[in-house]
């Protein structure tokens, strides 16, 4: 309902797991978190639990922010599907695009606790090999080719990634080009 043409969450998590199994640093950004719709602690815990099963290297949440151009589309959607929430959203977003700091802090603290509970600790982007710091596989990812195919209810993506050194943007090796099929 909220993302009618986006890949289903289970397909996204399957893709995440394939990337992680291939050694790519990848995770989840849960956004936007919608007050009264997707912000219940049990709902958010289910997302973190699923991300942990998919071996996410990180997970973060970003509460909804509504700039006027987005509000013009989102508020009619809200009126149609969640009319009981419309007055509260109109009040919260009347003069500002962002939710109060206390709400953002509550979501951030909840995700911090859930990351610890499910063992999703932020991986360092750097690893020490002797005296030299070496960038992990999650270096700079530059897509060479991305192809999406609409399959009725979701998109199936096939893409190649070239991994580049953060120092000189040269390809690390022929083996660093990997092909992933995430559908």
Foldseek 3Di string as FASTA:
>chain_A
DVDQAAADPVLVLQLLLVCVVVFAQAFEEAPAQEPPPQPDLVNVLVVLLSRLVSVHLDYYYHHFFDDPVRCVVVLVVCCVPPVVCNVVVCVQHVPGRDGDPVVVVVRRVSRVVSCVVSVNDHDDQWDDDPPDIAGGLNADWDWPDWDWDGDPRYIKIKTWTFGAGPPPRDGPDPVSIDIDTGD
